[in-house]
Protein backbone atom coordinates (compact mmCIF):
# COMPACT_ATOMS: atom_id res chain seq x y z
CA SER A 1 -20.75 3.03 15.94
CA LYS A 2 -19.88 5.32 12.80
CA GLU A 3 -20.03 8.24 14.98
CA LYS A 4 -17.35 7.12 17.21
CA ASP A 5 -15.33 6.08 14.09
CA SER A 6 -15.55 9.60 12.64
CA GLN A 7 -14.70 11.35 16.02
CA LEU A 8 -11.62 8.85 16.52
CA LYS A 9 -10.65 9.43 12.90
CA THR A 10 -10.96 13.23 13.62
CA GLN A 11 -8.82 13.19 16.76
CA LYS A 12 -6.14 11.02 14.64
CA GLU A 13 -6.06 13.49 12.23
CA MET A 14 -5.68 16.51 14.67
CA MET A 15 -2.56 14.63 16.38
CA LEU A 16 -1.03 13.90 13.16
CA LYS A 17 -1.24 17.47 12.24
CA GLN A 18 0.57 18.35 15.44
CA VAL A 19 3.50 15.95 15.20
CA LEU A 20 3.99 15.72 11.21
CA SER A 21 5.48 18.76 9.36
CA SER A 22 3.52 20.18 6.17
CA ASP A 23 6.01 18.10 3.85
CA ALA A 24 5.78 15.05 6.08
CA ARG A 25 2.01 15.19 5.96
CA LEU A 26 1.80 15.72 2.32
CA ARG A 27 4.14 12.58 1.85
CA LEU A 28 1.77 10.52 4.09
CA ASN A 29 -0.85 11.64 2.03
CA ASN A 30 0.89 10.61 -1.50
CA VAL A 31 1.48 7.29 0.41
CA ARG A 32 -2.18 6.85 1.12
CA MET A 33 -3.16 7.24 -2.09
CA VAL A 34 -0.81 4.66 -3.44
CA LYS A 35 -0.63 2.09 -0.13
CA PRO A 36 -3.57 2.81 1.97
CA ASP A 37 -2.34 0.07 4.51
CA LEU A 38 0.99 1.53 4.59
CA ALA A 39 -0.33 4.91 5.51
CA ASP A 40 -2.24 3.12 8.25
CA LEU A 41 0.62 1.21 9.76
CA VAL A 42 3.05 4.37 9.76
CA GLU A 43 0.09 6.57 11.30
CA ASN A 44 -0.57 4.24 14.00
CA TYR A 45 3.21 3.84 14.65
CA ILE A 46 3.68 7.64 14.91
CA LEU A 47 0.51 8.01 17.04
CA ASN A 48 1.81 5.21 19.44
CA LEU A 49 5.02 7.16 19.81
CA SER A 50 3.09 10.43 20.38
CA VAL A 51 1.12 9.04 22.90
CA GLN A 52 4.23 7.46 24.96
CA GLY A 53 5.54 11.09 24.58
CA LYS A 54 8.41 9.88 22.64
CA ILE A 55 7.97 12.58 19.81
CA THR A 56 9.31 15.98 20.61
CA GLY A 57 8.84 18.73 18.06
CA GLN A 58 7.61 17.42 14.64
CA ILE A 59 8.44 14.77 12.50
CA SER A 60 10.25 16.13 9.28
CA ASP A 61 9.61 14.84 5.84
CA GLU A 62 13.34 13.15 6.31
CA HIS A 63 12.22 11.31 9.41
CA LEU A 64 8.97 10.15 7.88
CA LYS A 65 10.75 8.52 5.20
CA GLN A 66 12.88 6.66 7.36
CA ILE A 67 9.83 5.38 9.28
CA LEU A 68 8.42 4.49 5.78
CA LEU A 69 11.22 2.65 5.08
CA SER A 70 11.58 0.84 8.45
CA VAL A 71 7.96 -0.12 8.50
CA GLN A 72 8.60 -1.95 5.01
CA GLN A 73 11.56 -3.83 6.14
CA PRO A 74 10.54 -7.44 5.99
CA LYS A 75 10.89 -8.84 9.64
CA ARG A 76 14.17 -10.71 10.11
CA ASP A 77 12.96 -12.97 12.93
CA PHE A 78 12.46 -15.99 11.00
CA LYS A 79 15.14 -18.42 10.08
CA PHE A 80 15.52 -20.45 7.04
CA ASN A 81 16.27 -23.93 7.78
CA ARG A 82 17.96 -25.55 4.87
CA VAL A 83 17.64 -29.49 4.71
């Protein structure tokens, strides 16, 4: 339902406010304007960490930059088979 979606969104935003420094939040908002998919990925990643209790204190802008980089890394799982 729409109501549940907006409720979840509000919850998400409140959690993110708690775990992101103001600089990091600003950066995430800027990312969202250019790459909304990437912003969602990073948000979900951060929320998962938060739920698992892996975040102590706040995520700094510097830390967020590292998360953005690591999320964008191409996965190295596949092998190229040269014939």
